[in-house]
Amino acid sequence: MKGEETAMRRSIGLLEYKSIAKGMEACDEMLKSSNVELVLASPVCPGKYIVILSGDVGAVENAVKVGKSIGDSYLISDYLIANVHENVFPAITGTIDIGTIDSLGIVETISAVASVIAGDVALKAANIELLEIRIAKGLCGKGYMLMTGEVSAVKSAVEACESRLIETGEIISTVTIPSPSKELISSLL
């Protein structure tokens, strides 16, 4: 079963709408049109709607195409990651088992979609663990992701995110904190 779940999640499609109603309609049509799994569908600040789907590349491509068509002028952004790192999913859904936090890397993005892209980039760039990908709830449409690992690995992952997202203007700020205080860690988790 685990092998099937991993195979199902080889790609991820992300769509952000400026209408909650249109986002819900598009989500429904995407799920009906393709063999995809719903990872997240939710209203987010400020009055937007985000849909995240996973599945085989072709199915996700088809679902995103349907979502774009239904969303039309209400679509803010869409993105497909064809070979998404498997650890992106628990970071989105908040189902990570947190061990030791040696250092903390934070990548703040202009949109929810960009925070997921940053998480995937970071995981592929260095030996880090994603702690969370926070998607726009209570953030006025922004997103951020938290990671941990050895300081050098976290710095490498942060640099990879900067390189990937700086050209599109989707990155707001990045920080690497070596040996974060216990109080800060407790406030995050």
Protein backbone atom coordinates (compact mmCIF):
# COMPACT_ATOMS: atom_id res chain seq x y z
CA MET A 1 0.00 0.00 0.00
CA LYS A 2 2.79 2.46 0.87
CA GLY A 3 4.39 1.85 -2.54
CA GLU A 4 1.08 2.62 -4.22
CA GLU A 5 0.68 5.82 -2.17
CA THR A 6 4.20 6.96 -3.13
CA ALA A 7 3.56 6.13 -6.79
CA MET A 8 0.29 8.07 -6.66
CA ARG A 9 2.13 11.15 -5.43
CA ARG A 10 4.81 11.54 -8.08
CA SER A 11 3.62 14.98 -9.05
CA ILE A 12 1.76 17.84 -7.46
CA GLY A 13 -0.47 20.50 -8.93
CA LEU A 14 -1.07 23.80 -7.16
CA LEU A 15 -3.73 26.32 -8.10
CA GLU A 16 -4.64 29.58 -6.40
CA TYR A 17 -7.88 31.44 -7.11
CA LYS A 18 -9.08 34.94 -6.19
CA SER A 19 -12.61 33.58 -5.70
CA ILE A 20 -13.53 31.01 -3.06
CA ALA A 21 -16.65 29.92 -4.97
CA LYS A 22 -14.78 29.53 -8.29
CA GLY A 23 -11.97 27.69 -6.49
CA MET A 24 -14.44 25.19 -5.04
CA GLU A 25 -16.08 24.69 -8.41
CA ALA A 26 -12.72 24.15 -10.09
CA CYS A 27 -11.60 21.74 -7.36
CA ASP A 28 -14.72 19.64 -7.84
CA GLU A 29 -14.27 19.50 -11.62
CA MET A 30 -10.56 18.66 -11.31
CA LEU A 31 -11.31 15.75 -8.98
CA LYS A 32 -14.05 14.45 -11.30
CA SER A 33 -11.89 14.80 -14.42
CA SER A 34 -8.73 13.00 -13.34
CA ASN A 35 -7.41 10.22 -11.14
CA VAL A 36 -5.82 12.58 -8.60
CA GLU A 37 -5.71 12.80 -4.82
CA LEU A 38 -6.78 15.95 -3.01
CA VAL A 39 -3.98 17.10 -0.69
CA LEU A 40 -5.53 20.43 0.31
CA ALA A 41 -8.46 22.59 -0.71
CA SER A 42 -9.11 25.58 1.48
CA PRO A 43 -9.95 29.26 1.65
CA VAL A 44 -6.86 31.29 2.51
CA CYS A 45 -6.19 34.93 3.30
CA PRO A 46 -7.19 37.37 1.88
CA GLY A 47 -10.29 35.74 0.40
CA LYS A 48 -8.46 33.35 -1.92
CA TYR A 49 -8.84 29.61 -2.44
CA ILE A 50 -6.00 27.13 -2.90
CA VAL A 51 -6.16 23.62 -4.34
CA ILE A 52 -3.29 21.14 -4.13
CA LEU A 53 -3.59 17.81 -5.95
CA SER A 54 -1.22 14.89 -6.38
CA GLY A 55 -0.99 11.89 -8.66
CA ASP A 56 0.67 10.66 -11.81
CA VAL A 57 2.06 13.44 -13.98
CA GLY A 58 -0.47 13.04 -16.78
CA ALA A 59 -3.44 13.00 -14.42
CA VAL A 60 -2.21 16.07 -12.54
CA GLU A 61 -1.48 17.90 -15.81
CA ASN A 62 -5.03 17.17 -16.96
CA ALA A 63 -6.53 18.27 -13.64
CA VAL A 64 -4.53 21.53 -13.69
CA LYS A 65 -5.71 22.18 -17.26
CA VAL A 66 -9.32 21.69 -16.14
CA GLY A 67 -8.74 23.92 -13.09
CA LYS A 68 -7.30 26.66 -15.29
CA SER A 69 -10.23 26.45 -17.68
CA ILE A 70 -12.88 26.56 -14.95
CA GLY A 71 -11.04 29.28 -13.01
CA ASP A 72 -10.46 31.41 -16.09
CA SER A 73 -10.02 35.03 -14.97
CA TYR A 74 -10.28 34.00 -11.29
CA LEU A 75 -7.05 31.98 -11.46
CA ILE A 76 -4.14 33.77 -9.80
CA SER A 77 -1.46 31.15 -10.33
CA ASP A 78 -0.94 27.51 -11.15
CA TYR A 79 2.11 25.31 -10.99
CA LEU A 80 2.99 21.67 -11.54
CA ILE A 81 5.97 19.90 -9.98
CA ALA A 82 6.40 16.72 -12.01
CA ASN A 83 8.75 14.91 -9.64
CA VAL A 84 7.90 16.31 -6.23
CA HIS A 85 9.94 15.18 -3.20
CA GLU A 86 7.81 12.82 -1.10
CA ASN A 87 8.50 14.79 2.12
CA VAL A 88 6.64 17.82 0.79
CA PHE A 89 3.29 16.16 1.57
CA PRO A 90 3.69 15.72 5.35
CA ALA A 91 5.05 19.28 5.59
CA ILE A 92 1.88 20.61 3.93
CA THR A 93 -0.47 18.52 6.05
CA GLY A 94 1.44 19.04 9.30
CA THR A 95 2.10 15.36 9.93
CA ILE A 96 5.87 15.52 10.50
CA ASP A 97 7.47 13.82 13.49
CA ILE A 98 9.88 16.40 14.83
CA GLY A 99 13.13 15.26 16.34
CA THR A 100 16.11 17.42 17.16
CA ILE A 101 16.26 20.91 15.68
CA ASP A 102 19.95 21.74 15.20
CA SER A 103 19.32 24.83 13.14
CA LEU A 104 16.31 26.48 11.63
CA GLY A 105 15.90 27.69 8.07
CA ILE A 106 13.00 29.93 7.15
CA VAL A 107 11.97 30.86 3.61
CA GLU A 108 9.15 33.39 3.38
CA THR A 109 7.36 33.66 0.03
CA ILE A 110 4.91 36.02 -1.62
CA SER A 111 2.36 33.24 -2.25
CA ALA A 112 1.18 29.88 -1.03
CA VAL A 113 2.25 28.21 -4.27
CA ALA A 114 5.80 29.55 -3.94
CA SER A 115 6.12 28.13 -0.41
CA VAL A 116 5.46 24.62 -1.74
CA ILE A 117 7.98 25.15 -4.55
CA ALA A 118 10.52 26.33 -1.94
CA GLY A 119 9.96 23.19 0.14
CA ASP A 120 10.55 20.95 -2.86
CA VAL A 121 13.67 22.89 -3.90
CA ALA A 122 15.11 22.75 -0.36
CA LEU A 123 14.58 18.99 -0.02
CA LYS A 124 16.24 18.31 -3.35
CA ALA A 125 19.17 20.68 -2.66
CA ALA A 126 20.45 19.47 0.71
CA ASN A 127 20.07 16.91 3.48
CA ILE A 128 17.43 18.77 5.47
CA GLU A 129 14.08 17.96 7.04
CA LEU A 130 11.03 20.06 6.33
CA LEU A 131 9.19 20.94 9.49
CA GLU A 132 6.27 22.75 7.93
CA ILE A 133 5.01 24.44 4.82
CA ARG A 134 2.58 27.12 6.01
CA ILE A 135 0.17 28.05 3.28
CA ALA A 136 -1.37 31.52 3.51
CA LYS A 137 -3.72 30.96 6.47
CA GLY A 138 -3.50 34.10 8.57
CA LEU A 139 -0.65 35.38 6.40
CA CYS A 140 -2.43 37.68 3.92
CA GLY A 141 -1.74 35.27 1.07
CA LYS A 142 1.94 34.74 1.82
CA GLY A 143 3.56 31.44 2.72
CA TYR A 144 6.64 30.18 4.47
CA MET A 145 8.43 26.98 5.13
CA LEU A 146 10.56 25.82 8.02
CA MET A 147 13.41 23.34 7.78
CA THR A 148 16.06 21.88 10.04
CA GLY A 149 19.33 20.01 9.70
CA GLU A 150 23.01 20.74 10.07
CA VAL A 151 23.71 24.45 9.69
CA SER A 152 25.66 23.99 6.45
CA ALA A 153 22.86 21.89 4.91
CA VAL A 154 20.21 24.42 5.93
CA LYS A 155 22.29 27.27 4.49
CA SER A 156 22.68 25.34 1.21
CA ALA A 157 18.94 24.67 1.03
CA VAL A 158 18.13 28.33 1.74
CA GLU A 159 20.57 29.43 -0.99
CA ALA A 160 18.96 27.00 -3.45
CA CYS A 161 15.54 28.49 -2.66
CA GLU A 162 16.87 32.00 -3.14
CA SER A 163 18.41 31.06 -6.49
CA ARG A 164 15.22 29.41 -7.71
CA LEU A 165 12.69 32.01 -6.51
CA ILE A 166 14.58 35.30 -6.73
CA GLU A 167 14.19 35.57 -10.50
CA THR A 168 10.39 35.49 -10.25
CA GLY A 169 10.22 37.82 -7.26
CA GLU A 170 8.39 35.20 -5.21
CA ILE A 171 10.78 35.22 -2.26
CA ILE A 172 10.36 37.81 0.47
CA SER A 173 12.98 36.87 3.03
CA THR A 174 15.20 34.02 4.19
CA VAL A 175 16.87 33.34 7.52
CA THR A 176 19.13 30.64 8.93
CA ILE A 177 19.24 30.38 12.73
CA PRO A 178 21.98 28.16 14.16
CA SER A 179 21.01 26.51 17.49
CA PRO A 180 17.60 28.16 17.88
CA SER A 181 16.40 28.75 21.45
CA LYS A 182 14.06 26.21 23.02
CA GLU A 183 11.50 28.95 23.53
CA LEU A 184 11.48 29.81 19.83
CA ILE A 185 11.16 26.14 18.88
CA SER A 186 8.22 25.67 21.28
CA SER A 187 6.49 28.72 19.84
CA LEU A 188 6.74 27.25 16.33
CA LEU A 189 5.54 23.75 17.10
